[in-house]
Protein backbone atom coordinates (compact mmCIF):
# COMPACT_ATOMS: atom_id res chain seq x y z
CA MET A 1 2.27 49.46 -44.60
CA GLU A 2 2.68 46.79 -47.28
CA ASP A 3 6.44 46.89 -46.81
CA ILE A 4 6.06 46.01 -43.14
CA PHE A 5 3.75 43.09 -43.97
CA GLU A 6 6.10 41.84 -46.69
CA ALA A 7 9.07 42.00 -44.31
CA ASN A 8 7.28 40.19 -41.43
CA ALA A 9 4.95 37.82 -43.29
CA PRO A 10 5.65 34.08 -42.98
CA THR A 11 7.30 32.51 -45.99
CA ARG A 12 4.79 29.64 -46.05
CA PHE A 13 1.64 28.62 -44.20
CA PRO A 14 1.55 25.19 -42.51
CA SER A 15 -0.68 22.48 -43.86
CA PRO A 16 -3.68 21.64 -41.62
CA LYS A 17 -2.54 17.98 -41.53
CA GLU A 18 1.06 18.80 -40.63
CA GLN A 19 2.29 18.04 -37.09
CA PRO A 20 3.12 21.15 -35.07
CA ASP A 21 6.70 21.70 -33.94
CA ILE A 22 6.99 21.12 -30.22
CA PRO A 23 10.20 22.29 -28.59
CA VAL A 24 12.06 19.51 -26.80
CA LEU A 25 13.89 20.16 -23.57
CA ALA A 26 17.22 18.39 -23.80
CA GLU A 27 18.08 16.41 -20.70
CA GLU A 28 21.51 17.17 -19.23
CA GLY A 29 23.83 16.88 -22.19
CA GLU A 30 21.56 14.55 -24.12
CA LYS A 31 21.28 15.55 -27.75
CA PRO A 32 17.89 15.13 -29.37
CA GLN A 33 17.77 12.38 -31.97
CA GLY A 34 14.92 12.25 -34.40
CA PRO A 35 11.82 14.42 -34.69
CA PRO A 36 10.69 16.28 -31.56
CA MET A 37 7.38 14.38 -31.28
CA LYS A 38 9.20 11.03 -31.30
CA ILE A 39 11.66 12.25 -28.66
CA ASN A 40 8.81 13.39 -26.42
CA ALA A 41 6.90 10.16 -27.00
CA ASP A 42 10.00 8.09 -26.17
CA ARG A 43 10.61 10.13 -23.01
CA TRP A 44 6.97 9.79 -21.90
CA LYS A 45 7.05 6.06 -22.69
CA LYS A 46 10.17 5.66 -20.52
CA GLU A 47 8.58 7.67 -17.67
CA ILE A 48 5.39 5.59 -17.86
CA ILE A 49 7.33 2.31 -17.89
CA ASP A 50 9.41 3.52 -14.91
CA LYS A 51 6.24 4.41 -13.00
CA ILE A 52 4.66 1.04 -13.83
CA GLN A 53 7.82 -0.74 -12.63
CA TYR A 54 7.81 1.34 -9.42
CA LEU A 55 4.14 0.53 -8.77
CA LYS A 56 4.73 -3.14 -9.55
CA GLU A 57 7.59 -3.29 -7.02
CA ASN A 58 5.44 -1.52 -4.42
CA LEU A 59 2.60 -3.96 -5.09
CA GLU A 60 4.94 -6.92 -4.62
CA LEU A 61 6.22 -5.44 -1.33
CA ALA A 62 2.65 -4.83 -0.20
CA GLN A 63 1.76 -8.44 -1.05
CA GLN A 64 4.72 -9.67 1.02
CA ASP A 65 3.69 -7.43 3.92
CA LYS A 66 0.12 -8.68 3.62
CA GLU A 67 1.28 -12.31 3.75
CA ALA A 68 3.49 -11.62 6.78
CA LEU A 69 0.63 -9.82 8.54
CA SER A 70 -1.75 -12.64 7.68
CA LEU A 71 0.61 -15.16 9.28
CA GLU A 72 0.91 -12.92 12.34
CA VAL A 73 -2.89 -12.62 12.60
CA ASP A 74 -3.25 -16.41 12.34
CA LYS A 75 -0.66 -16.85 15.09
CA LEU A 76 -2.41 -14.32 17.34
CA GLN A 77 -5.81 -15.94 16.72
CA GLU A 78 -4.37 -19.33 17.73
CA GLU A 79 -2.91 -17.79 20.91
CA LEU A 80 -6.30 -16.19 21.64
CA ARG A 81 -8.05 -19.54 21.19
CA GLN A 82 -5.57 -21.18 23.54
CA SER A 83 -6.02 -18.35 26.06
CA LYS A 84 -9.80 -18.79 25.98
CA GLY A 85 -9.34 -22.49 26.71
CA LYS A 86 -7.02 -21.65 29.61
CA ILE A 87 -9.57 -19.12 30.94
CA GLN A 88 -12.28 -21.81 30.91
CA GLU A 89 -9.97 -24.20 32.79
CA LEU A 90 -9.20 -21.51 35.39
CA GLU A 91 -12.92 -20.71 35.79
CA VAL A 92 -13.62 -24.41 36.48
CA GLN A 93 -10.76 -24.50 39.01
CA LEU A 94 -12.05 -21.31 40.66
CA ALA A 95 -15.58 -22.77 40.90
CA GLU A 96 -14.17 -25.95 42.50
CA ALA A 97 -12.09 -23.87 44.94
CA LEU A 98 -15.17 -21.80 45.88
CA ASP A 99 -17.22 -24.98 46.41
CA THR A 100 -14.47 -26.39 48.64
CA PHE A 101 -14.23 -23.11 50.55
CA ASN A 102 -18.01 -23.00 51.05
CA ALA A 103 -18.05 -26.64 52.20
CA LEU A 104 -15.26 -25.91 54.72
CA LEU A 105 -17.12 -22.83 55.97
CA ASN A 106 -20.26 -24.93 56.46
CA GLU A 107 -18.28 -27.59 58.38
CA VAL A 108 -16.61 -24.94 60.56
CA SER A 109 -19.90 -23.21 61.28
CA GLN A 110 -21.54 -26.56 62.13
CA ALA A 111 -18.61 -27.46 64.37
CA LEU A 112 -18.83 -24.14 66.15
CA GLY A 113 -22.59 -24.41 66.42
CA GLU A 114 -22.53 -27.71 68.25
């Protein structure tokens, strides 16, 4: 039994303060340079920076869309205000037309009544 342990036992035990070995997946033909932890950290850093750049570009596009929509809303609100003014003018004209119509009806009925 001791022979089996001697044959399979590790040659040394890692220090508690030592960094563990993390296998690095090489990206298509890219050869790892430096310690595995640094390679992983550099890859993660690049991915994070890429994501931040992507979000920044999306934020800028959203800001541009927001400004364009804000201008469109302002334009539509101005058209609505103008339309309300036109409606008030038409209501006044309709009231005048109804008054004229009623006055004519009264004159016709008086003329027919005599």
